[in-house]
Amino acid sequence: MIKEAIQKVVLKRDLSREEMEEVMREVMTGSASPAQIASFVTALRMKGESPEEITVAAKAIKRKVSGISVEEDVLCLDREEITVESETILRTSKGFSEGTNIFNVSTATALVLAGGGLKVAKYGRRSASPLCGCADVIEALGIDLDMTSTQLERCLKEIGICFIYEPLAKNGLRHIIDLREKIGIRTIFNLLDPLINPAGAKIQVLGVYEPGLTETMAAVLKNLGIEKGLVVHGKDTLDEISITGETKVTELRNGEIRSYLIKPEDFGLRRAKPEEIKGGTKEENAKIILEILRGVQDAKREITVLNAAAGFMIAEKAKDFKEGIEQANRSIDSGEAFRKLVNLIDFTNSDRRYLRNPYEAAN
């Protein structure tokens, strides 16, 4: 089937639901060769993935990946793509193998949201590049990622935040991860990562790498049964809400999809230069996050606050971005965001003889 699908996609024709289901079966079972899979996803990228194609692929992946059981409502947060629902936030994936060299905004954002009373289950993976992925900086902060599903559930319940590492790798889909990194361009695989949503969130916030994808991904969220969602693409920061320029936001509410633009000046924030939010190694990025949580006032804090505001707003803990910014600032200035980090480090290292100090872990 995949051979026929490649031929059809090369002609820029969308696949039917049945055709996409069969292709995904071959991809996931290993029936299709790496060359065939690479050809297919590259051709699909050149055609432009349709909402139906992405939806079918996402459902196939979700059936394969085991989730975690949570009693509370879930809010899922991601950058290569975000998820959210009233109480819990789950970050799906972010590697820095492409795109801009900014620090791990979404990791800092998750801690600020947790400090503001939301439960956060954040997904991360390591970067395939010399730069820093989510899992890299999490470990640099002293957080142990080697946890079972039961431990993750308990961590989320007791601490209010947990990090889920590479659910694809843990569910027999390592070949997809390896191929995704080797292809060298963003493909449908990058769009699928954040849609895994192991905690079953009904509200999502996704950050996407192309402005034209915001409406497409909002339609996918609707197809997947998401009740409320934001899909964002920011200038310079790509899959973050930007403080260096405009951000395109596509919002899903009550089954309706609408798009609008926001800019930092709308909320009394200064427009920053790209170099002001630059990141570096995992140790450097961990240090940046610690400085934000300690209350350092700079552009890195402001981009974190603005992205956290989106989470508070879509989770209906704030009526709008402006009120969400106020909540994010309180989370930092009260010390609650930093306390979440310390508690998380303590919990994930509780079976060890020592506790890594977060300041030492980043140096």
Protein backbone atom coordinates (compact mmCIF):
# COMPACT_ATOMS: atom_id res chain seq x y z
CA MET A 1 0.00 0.00 0.00
CA ILE A 2 2.76 2.46 0.83
CA LYS A 3 4.09 2.33 -2.74
CA GLU A 4 0.70 3.29 -4.11
CA ALA A 5 0.35 5.98 -1.45
CA ILE A 6 3.68 7.54 -2.42
CA GLN A 7 2.61 7.67 -6.05
CA LYS A 8 -0.67 9.36 -5.12
CA VAL A 9 0.90 11.88 -2.74
CA VAL A 10 3.58 12.82 -5.30
CA LEU A 11 0.68 13.90 -7.52
CA LYS A 12 -0.44 16.13 -4.60
CA ARG A 13 -3.59 14.13 -3.97
CA ASP A 14 -4.83 13.57 -0.42
CA LEU A 15 -5.13 10.03 0.90
CA SER A 16 -8.46 8.64 2.06
CA ARG A 17 -8.93 7.57 5.67
CA GLU A 18 -8.66 3.90 4.67
CA GLU A 19 -5.48 4.49 2.66
CA MET A 20 -3.82 6.39 5.51
CA GLU A 21 -4.80 3.70 8.02
CA GLU A 22 -3.16 1.02 5.89
CA VAL A 23 0.00 3.10 5.43
CA MET A 24 0.26 3.66 9.19
CA ARG A 25 -0.20 -0.06 9.82
CA GLU A 26 2.74 -0.81 7.53
CA VAL A 27 4.84 1.95 9.09
CA MET A 28 4.22 0.87 12.67
CA THR A 29 4.62 -2.87 12.12
CA GLY A 30 7.85 -2.47 10.18
CA SER A 31 6.34 -3.85 6.97
CA ALA A 32 7.42 -0.71 5.13
CA SER A 33 11.14 -0.18 4.63
CA PRO A 34 12.93 2.90 6.02
CA ALA A 35 13.41 4.15 2.44
CA GLN A 36 9.70 3.82 1.72
CA ILE A 37 8.72 5.56 4.95
CA ALA A 38 11.17 8.41 4.33
CA SER A 39 9.91 8.83 0.77
CA PHE A 40 6.30 8.84 1.93
CA VAL A 41 6.62 11.40 4.73
CA THR A 42 8.80 13.66 2.56
CA ALA A 43 6.26 13.58 -0.27
CA LEU A 44 3.50 14.21 2.26
CA ARG A 45 5.35 17.24 3.58
CA MET A 46 5.78 18.61 0.05
CA LYS A 47 2.07 18.11 -0.68
CA GLY A 48 1.02 19.44 2.69
CA GLU A 49 -0.49 17.12 5.28
CA SER A 50 -4.29 17.27 5.38
CA PRO A 51 -6.17 17.38 8.71
CA GLU A 52 -7.66 13.96 7.91
CA GLU A 53 -4.25 12.39 7.21
CA ILE A 54 -2.79 13.76 10.45
CA THR A 55 -5.87 12.70 12.43
CA VAL A 56 -5.73 9.11 11.17
CA ALA A 57 -1.99 8.88 11.87
CA ALA A 58 -2.42 10.35 15.36
CA LYS A 59 -5.13 7.86 16.26
CA ALA A 60 -2.92 5.00 15.09
CA ILE A 61 -0.04 6.18 17.28
CA LYS A 62 -2.31 6.79 20.28
CA ARG A 63 -3.66 3.23 20.09
CA LYS A 64 -0.10 1.92 20.32
CA VAL A 65 1.16 4.14 23.15
CA SER A 66 0.09 3.39 26.72
CA GLY A 67 -1.03 6.35 28.80
CA ILE A 68 -1.06 7.28 32.45
CA SER A 69 -4.16 7.26 34.60
CA VAL A 70 -5.08 10.53 36.30
CA GLU A 71 -8.13 11.36 38.37
CA GLU A 72 -8.07 15.10 37.77
CA ASP A 73 -8.82 16.93 34.56
CA VAL A 74 -5.82 17.30 32.29
CA LEU A 75 -4.22 20.27 30.57
CA CYS A 76 -1.58 19.30 28.00
CA LEU A 77 1.22 21.73 27.08
CA ASP A 78 3.68 21.35 24.22
CA ARG A 79 6.18 22.98 21.94
CA GLU A 80 6.83 21.19 18.91
CA GLU A 81 3.27 21.20 19.70
CA ILE A 82 1.07 22.08 23.46
CA THR A 83 -1.89 20.27 25.26
CA VAL A 84 -4.18 21.48 28.04
CA GLU A 85 -7.24 20.70 30.17
CA SER A 86 -8.44 22.45 33.26
CA GLU A 87 -6.09 21.08 35.92
CA THR A 88 -3.19 19.20 34.31
CA ILE A 89 -0.62 20.17 31.69
CA LEU A 90 1.26 17.67 29.62
CA ARG A 91 4.20 18.63 27.43
CA THR A 92 4.67 16.30 24.53
CA SER A 93 7.86 16.96 22.65
CA LYS A 94 10.51 19.48 21.82
CA GLY A 95 13.89 18.86 20.34
CA PHE A 96 16.12 21.60 19.01
CA SER A 97 17.35 19.68 15.97
CA GLU A 98 15.85 22.39 13.79
CA GLY A 99 14.71 25.94 14.33
CA THR A 100 16.02 28.72 16.46
CA ASN A 101 18.51 28.41 19.30
CA ILE A 102 16.34 29.64 22.13
CA PHE A 103 16.33 28.25 25.65
CA ASN A 104 13.75 25.65 26.74
CA VAL A 105 10.83 28.03 27.18
CA SER A 106 8.22 25.31 27.58
CA THR A 107 10.07 23.64 30.47
CA ALA A 108 10.14 26.92 32.36
CA THR A 109 6.51 27.52 31.36
CA ALA A 110 5.41 24.16 32.79
CA LEU A 111 6.99 24.96 36.17
CA VAL A 112 5.36 28.39 36.27
CA LEU A 113 1.97 26.87 35.47
CA ALA A 114 2.43 24.22 38.14
CA GLY A 115 3.39 26.94 40.60
CA GLY A 116 0.13 28.65 39.71
CA GLY A 117 -1.95 25.64 40.72
CA LEU A 118 -2.25 23.62 37.51
CA LYS A 119 -1.17 19.99 37.38
CA VAL A 120 1.49 19.44 34.75
CA ALA A 121 2.53 16.22 33.01
CA LYS A 122 5.17 17.27 30.50
CA TYR A 123 6.57 15.04 27.78
CA GLY A 124 10.17 15.42 26.68
CA ARG A 125 12.82 13.87 24.48
CA ARG A 126 16.50 14.40 23.95
CA SER A 127 17.79 16.50 21.09
CA ALA A 128 19.56 14.82 18.20
CA SER A 129 21.56 18.01 17.63
CA PRO A 130 24.36 19.66 19.62
CA LEU A 131 21.70 21.92 21.09
CA CYS A 132 19.38 21.09 23.96
CA GLY A 133 16.14 19.14 24.04
CA CYS A 134 13.56 19.04 26.79
CA ALA A 135 14.82 15.83 28.41
CA ASP A 136 18.40 17.13 28.36
CA VAL A 137 17.62 20.24 30.39
CA ILE A 138 15.27 18.37 32.74
CA GLU A 139 18.08 16.02 33.69
CA ALA A 140 20.49 18.96 34.01
CA LEU A 141 18.10 20.40 36.59
CA GLY A 142 18.51 17.23 38.64
CA ILE A 143 15.22 15.53 37.75
CA ASP A 144 15.30 11.75 37.28
CA LEU A 145 13.37 10.72 34.15
CA ASP A 146 13.55 6.98 34.81
CA MET A 147 10.07 6.46 36.22
CA THR A 148 7.35 3.86 35.76
CA SER A 149 3.77 4.77 34.85
CA THR A 150 2.73 4.20 38.47
CA GLN A 151 5.49 6.51 39.72
CA LEU A 152 4.50 9.16 37.18
CA GLU A 153 0.89 8.99 38.30
CA ARG A 154 1.90 9.34 41.97
CA CYS A 155 4.28 12.19 41.16
CA LEU A 156 1.55 14.05 39.31
CA LYS A 157 -0.91 13.52 42.17
CA GLU A 158 1.46 14.39 45.03
CA ILE A 159 3.73 17.04 43.50
CA GLY A 160 1.45 18.39 40.80
CA ILE A 161 3.95 17.99 37.96
CA CYS A 162 5.76 15.12 36.25
CA PHE A 163 7.86 14.60 33.13
CA ILE A 164 7.17 11.70 30.75
CA TYR A 165 10.18 10.57 28.72
CA GLU A 166 9.90 9.20 25.16
CA PRO A 167 6.61 7.22 25.15
CA LEU A 168 7.28 6.21 21.53
CA ALA A 169 10.54 4.48 22.46
CA LYS A 170 8.86 2.67 25.35
CA ASN A 171 6.09 1.30 23.15
CA GLY A 172 8.03 -0.44 20.40
CA LEU A 173 8.26 2.53 18.05
CA ARG A 174 11.98 3.23 18.34
CA HIS A 175 12.34 2.83 14.57
CA ILE A 176 10.07 5.83 14.01
CA ILE A 177 12.17 7.99 16.34
CA ASP A 178 15.40 6.95 14.62
CA LEU A 179 13.99 7.63 11.16
CA ARG A 180 12.50 10.96 12.24
CA GLU A 181 15.94 12.18 13.26
CA LYS A 182 17.70 10.84 10.16
CA ILE A 183 15.34 12.38 7.60
CA GLY A 184 16.65 15.86 8.41
CA ILE A 185 13.43 17.80 7.80
CA ARG A 186 10.26 18.21 9.78
CA THR A 187 7.59 15.76 8.68
CA ILE A 188 4.29 14.38 9.88
CA PHE A 189 6.23 12.54 12.60
CA ASN A 190 6.99 15.88 14.25
CA LEU A 191 3.31 16.79 14.16
CA LEU A 192 2.29 13.46 15.70
CA ASP A 193 4.57 13.63 18.75
CA PRO A 194 2.52 16.24 20.63
CA LEU A 195 -0.76 14.57 19.76
CA ILE A 196 0.11 11.41 21.73
CA ASN A 197 -1.37 13.01 24.87
CA PRO A 198 -0.86 10.09 27.31
CA ALA A 199 -2.88 11.84 30.02
CA GLY A 200 -5.98 12.15 27.85
CA ALA A 201 -6.24 15.94 27.93
CA LYS A 202 -9.33 17.56 26.46
CA ILE A 203 -7.68 20.98 26.14
CA GLN A 204 -4.46 21.46 24.17
CA VAL A 205 -2.06 24.21 23.31
CA LEU A 206 0.26 23.39 20.42
CA GLY A 207 3.22 25.32 19.08
CA VAL A 208 3.85 24.67 15.38
CA TYR A 209 6.80 25.42 13.10
CA GLU A 210 4.90 26.96 10.16
CA PRO A 211 2.15 29.62 10.30
CA GLY A 212 0.10 27.73 7.72
CA LEU A 213 -0.20 24.78 10.08
CA THR A 214 -2.16 26.56 12.81
CA GLU A 215 -5.56 26.06 11.17
CA THR A 216 -4.65 22.53 10.06
CA MET A 217 -3.67 21.46 13.57
CA ALA A 218 -6.68 23.16 15.12
CA ALA A 219 -8.85 21.05 12.81
CA VAL A 220 -6.93 17.94 13.89
CA LEU A 221 -7.52 18.78 17.56
CA LYS A 222 -11.23 19.09 16.82
CA ASN A 223 -11.19 15.71 15.03
CA LEU A 224 -9.49 14.15 18.07
CA GLY A 225 -12.23 15.36 20.40
CA ILE A 226 -10.35 18.25 21.97
CA GLU A 227 -12.80 20.71 23.51
CA LYS A 228 -10.60 23.80 23.71
CA GLY A 229 -7.28 24.45 22.03
CA LEU A 230 -4.73 27.03 21.00
CA VAL A 231 -2.28 26.49 18.15
CA VAL A 232 0.49 29.09 17.98
CA HIS A 233 3.32 30.11 15.68
CA GLY A 234 5.58 32.93 16.80
CA LYS A 235 8.03 35.09 14.89
CA ASP A 236 11.67 34.06 15.43
CA THR A 237 10.72 31.60 18.18
CA LEU A 238 8.67 29.51 15.74
CA ASP A 239 6.77 27.11 18.03
CA GLU A 240 6.54 29.44 21.00
CA ILE A 241 4.47 32.55 21.61
CA SER A 242 6.95 35.24 20.64
CA ILE A 243 8.15 38.40 22.33
CA THR A 244 10.31 39.35 19.34
CA GLY A 245 7.33 39.98 17.08
CA GLU A 246 3.85 38.81 16.21
CA THR A 247 2.40 35.41 17.04
CA LYS A 248 -0.35 33.79 15.03
CA VAL A 249 -2.90 32.11 17.29
CA THR A 250 -5.62 29.78 16.08
CA GLU A 251 -8.21 29.07 18.75
CA LEU A 252 -10.66 26.18 18.99
CA ARG A 253 -13.69 26.80 21.20
CA ASN A 254 -17.17 25.32 21.09
CA GLY A 255 -16.40 23.63 17.79
CA GLU A 256 -15.50 26.92 16.12
CA ILE A 257 -12.01 27.80 14.83
CA ARG A 258 -10.74 31.36 14.51
CA SER A 259 -7.31 32.92 14.01
CA TYR A 260 -5.83 36.17 15.27
CA LEU A 261 -2.48 37.88 15.83
CA ILE A 262 -0.97 39.01 19.12
CA LYS A 263 2.21 40.94 19.86
CA PRO A 264 4.06 41.66 23.13
CA GLU A 265 3.07 45.33 23.11
CA ASP A 266 -0.58 44.26 23.41
CA PHE A 267 0.15 43.24 26.99
CA GLY A 268 2.58 45.95 28.01
CA LEU A 269 5.65 43.83 27.27
CA ARG A 270 8.73 45.13 25.50
CA ARG A 271 9.53 43.69 22.07
CA ALA A 272 12.82 41.86 22.53
CA LYS A 273 15.66 41.01 20.17
CA PRO A 274 16.19 37.32 19.24
CA GLU A 275 19.58 37.23 20.96
CA GLU A 276 17.93 38.16 24.26
CA ILE A 277 16.20 34.77 24.44
CA LYS A 278 19.10 32.72 23.13
CA GLY A 279 19.86 29.40 24.79
CA GLY A 280 22.85 27.12 24.77
CA THR A 281 23.93 23.83 26.30
CA LYS A 282 21.73 21.87 28.68
CA GLU A 283 23.67 23.30 31.62
CA GLU A 284 23.29 26.86 30.33
CA ASN A 285 19.57 26.38 29.71
CA ALA A 286 19.07 24.89 33.17
CA LYS A 287 20.78 27.94 34.66
CA ILE A 288 18.50 30.24 32.64
CA ILE A 289 15.42 28.44 33.98
CA LEU A 290 16.70 28.72 37.55
CA GLU A 291 17.27 32.44 37.10
CA ILE A 292 13.72 32.87 35.81
CA LEU A 293 12.30 30.99 38.80
CA ARG A 294 14.45 33.07 41.16
CA GLY A 295 12.84 36.24 39.81
CA VAL A 296 15.46 37.67 37.45
CA GLN A 297 13.78 40.31 35.28
CA ASP A 298 14.70 40.01 31.60
CA ALA A 299 13.34 38.97 28.20
CA LYS A 300 13.65 35.28 29.06
CA ARG A 301 11.29 35.75 31.97
CA GLU A 302 8.86 37.71 29.81
CA ILE A 303 8.60 35.06 27.10
CA THR A 304 8.03 32.43 29.80
CA VAL A 305 5.34 34.55 31.44
CA LEU A 306 3.56 35.16 28.13
CA ASN A 307 3.55 31.47 27.25
CA ALA A 308 2.32 30.56 30.72
CA ALA A 309 -0.45 33.13 30.32
CA ALA A 310 -1.77 31.13 27.36
CA GLY A 311 -1.97 28.02 29.55
CA PHE A 312 -3.82 29.83 32.33
CA MET A 313 -6.21 31.34 29.82
CA ILE A 314 -7.08 28.17 27.92
CA ALA A 315 -7.47 26.28 31.21
CA GLU A 316 -9.94 29.00 32.21
CA LYS A 317 -7.86 30.01 35.22
CA ALA A 318 -7.61 33.47 33.64
CA LYS A 319 -10.16 35.33 31.55
CA ASP A 320 -7.58 36.60 29.05
CA PHE A 321 -3.85 36.90 28.32
CA LYS A 322 -3.47 39.95 30.54
CA GLU A 323 -4.88 38.21 33.60
CA GLY A 324 -2.84 35.12 32.75
CA ILE A 325 0.33 37.24 32.78
CA GLU A 326 -0.55 38.45 36.27
CA GLN A 327 -0.97 34.86 37.46
CA ALA A 328 2.32 33.81 35.90
CA ASN A 329 4.16 36.66 37.60
CA ARG A 330 2.61 35.71 40.96
CA SER A 331 3.72 32.11 40.50
CA ILE A 332 7.32 33.27 40.07
CA ASP A 333 7.42 36.11 42.59
CA SER A 334 5.79 34.05 45.35
CA GLY A 335 8.44 31.36 44.96
CA GLU A 336 5.81 28.71 44.19
CA ALA A 337 7.24 27.89 40.76
CA PHE A 338 10.70 27.32 42.23
CA ARG A 339 9.25 25.20 45.05
CA LYS A 340 7.63 22.96 42.45
CA LEU A 341 11.05 22.34 40.94
CA VAL A 342 12.62 21.52 44.31
CA ASN A 343 9.76 19.18 45.23
CA LEU A 344 10.00 17.45 41.87
CA ILE A 345 13.73 16.89 42.23
CA ASP A 346 13.17 15.54 45.74
CA PHE A 347 10.44 13.14 44.62
CA THR A 348 12.26 11.75 41.58
CA ASN A 349 15.44 11.19 43.58
CA SER A 350 13.73 9.89 46.72
CA ASP A 351 15.19 6.39 46.34
CA ARG A 352 18.73 7.74 46.24
CA ARG A 353 21.03 8.63 49.11
CA TYR A 354 21.34 12.24 48.12
CA LEU A 355 19.29 15.08 46.69
CA ARG A 356 20.86 17.16 43.96
CA ASN A 357 20.57 20.86 44.66
CA PRO A 358 19.06 22.53 41.57
CA TYR A 359 21.67 25.30 41.67
CA GLU A 360 24.49 22.75 41.72
CA ALA A 361 22.84 20.60 39.04
CA ALA A 362 22.94 23.47 36.58
CA ASN A 363 26.59 24.33 37.17
